[in-house]
Amino acid sequence: MLREIAKNTRSKTGSSSLMAEDSMDDGAKIAIRVDIDEEKGTAVVDITGSSYEVHGNCNAPRAVTLSALISVYVVWLVMMST
């Protein structure tokens, strides 16, 4: 499935990388880049450039972050297959 996504992305944009940026209410920056390896059928998610953790209880531990990535990937696969 990732190979197909990479191929479609490359045909539309010339690259097999996807990038997005947004910000939280307090101005904290969220940056994400997904690099898809067409040959291996793998992806690397990079959040370099995002703001550091904030004071308070809204930071996500590593397990929650990984769970969110898996959930988004599953929804993405379902949407792409329909």
Protein backbone atom coordinates (compact mmCIF):
# COMPACT_ATOMS: atom_id res chain seq x y z
CA MET A 1 0.00 0.00 0.00
CA LEU A 2 2.83 2.43 0.82
CA ARG A 3 4.39 1.71 -2.56
CA GLU A 4 1.14 2.73 -4.26
CA ILE A 5 0.84 5.87 -2.13
CA ALA A 6 4.46 6.80 -2.91
CA LYS A 7 3.89 6.25 -6.63
CA ASN A 8 0.72 8.39 -6.63
CA THR A 9 2.39 11.10 -4.56
CA ARG A 10 5.44 11.14 -6.84
CA SER A 11 3.25 11.43 -9.97
CA LYS A 12 1.37 14.39 -8.47
CA THR A 13 4.22 16.24 -6.72
CA GLY A 14 7.48 14.85 -8.10
CA SER A 15 8.43 13.53 -4.64
CA SER A 16 7.49 10.61 -2.39
CA SER A 17 7.64 12.83 0.70
CA LEU A 18 4.62 14.40 2.37
CA MET A 19 4.91 17.46 4.63
CA ALA A 20 2.55 19.50 6.77
CA GLU A 21 2.79 22.23 9.41
CA ASP A 22 0.25 23.63 11.84
CA SER A 23 0.22 25.41 15.17
CA MET A 24 -1.51 24.99 18.50
CA ASP A 25 -3.59 27.66 20.25
CA ASP A 26 -0.54 28.80 22.21
CA GLY A 27 1.54 29.20 19.04
CA ALA A 28 3.48 25.95 19.46
CA LYS A 29 4.51 24.63 16.04
CA ILE A 30 3.71 21.13 14.79
CA ALA A 31 5.77 20.00 11.80
CA ILE A 32 5.59 16.55 10.24
CA ARG A 33 7.32 14.96 7.28
CA VAL A 34 6.68 11.45 5.97
CA ASP A 35 9.31 9.98 3.66
CA ILE A 36 8.09 6.88 1.83
CA ASP A 37 10.60 4.39 0.42
CA GLU A 38 8.94 2.99 -2.69
CA GLU A 39 11.30 0.03 -3.01
CA LYS A 40 11.06 -1.17 0.60
CA GLY A 41 7.43 -0.17 1.14
CA THR A 42 8.34 1.61 4.38
CA ALA A 43 7.86 5.10 5.75
CA VAL A 44 9.76 7.32 8.17
CA VAL A 45 7.82 9.92 10.15
CA ASP A 46 9.91 12.94 11.20
CA ILE A 47 8.69 15.66 13.58
CA THR A 48 11.92 17.68 13.49
CA GLY A 49 11.04 21.37 13.59
CA SER A 50 8.13 20.94 15.98
CA SER A 51 8.09 22.96 19.19
CA TYR A 52 9.39 21.49 22.41
CA GLU A 53 7.03 20.09 25.02
CA VAL A 54 4.85 22.59 26.83
CA HIS A 55 4.14 23.15 30.52
CA GLY A 56 1.02 21.35 31.64
CA ASN A 57 -0.69 18.07 30.97
CA CYS A 58 -1.15 18.18 27.19
CA ASN A 59 2.14 16.48 26.21
CA ALA A 60 1.83 13.01 24.75
CA PRO A 61 4.18 10.28 25.96
CA ARG A 62 5.99 8.22 23.31
CA ALA A 63 3.45 5.36 23.51
CA VAL A 64 0.54 7.73 22.86
CA THR A 65 2.39 9.36 19.95
CA LEU A 66 3.11 5.97 18.35
CA SER A 67 -0.49 4.89 18.89
CA ALA A 68 -1.72 8.05 17.15
CA LEU A 69 0.60 7.43 14.19
CA ILE A 70 -0.67 3.86 13.84
CA SER A 71 -4.30 5.02 14.05
CA VAL A 72 -3.79 7.68 11.38
CA TYR A 73 -2.01 5.15 9.15
CA VAL A 74 -4.88 2.64 9.48
CA VAL A 75 -7.49 5.30 8.65
CA TRP A 76 -5.35 6.44 5.73
CA LEU A 77 -5.15 2.87 4.39
CA VAL A 78 -8.92 2.43 4.68
CA MET A 79 -9.55 5.72 2.87
CA MET A 80 -7.08 4.87 0.09
CA SER A 81 -8.60 1.42 -0.48
CA THR A 82 -12.19 2.63 -0.92
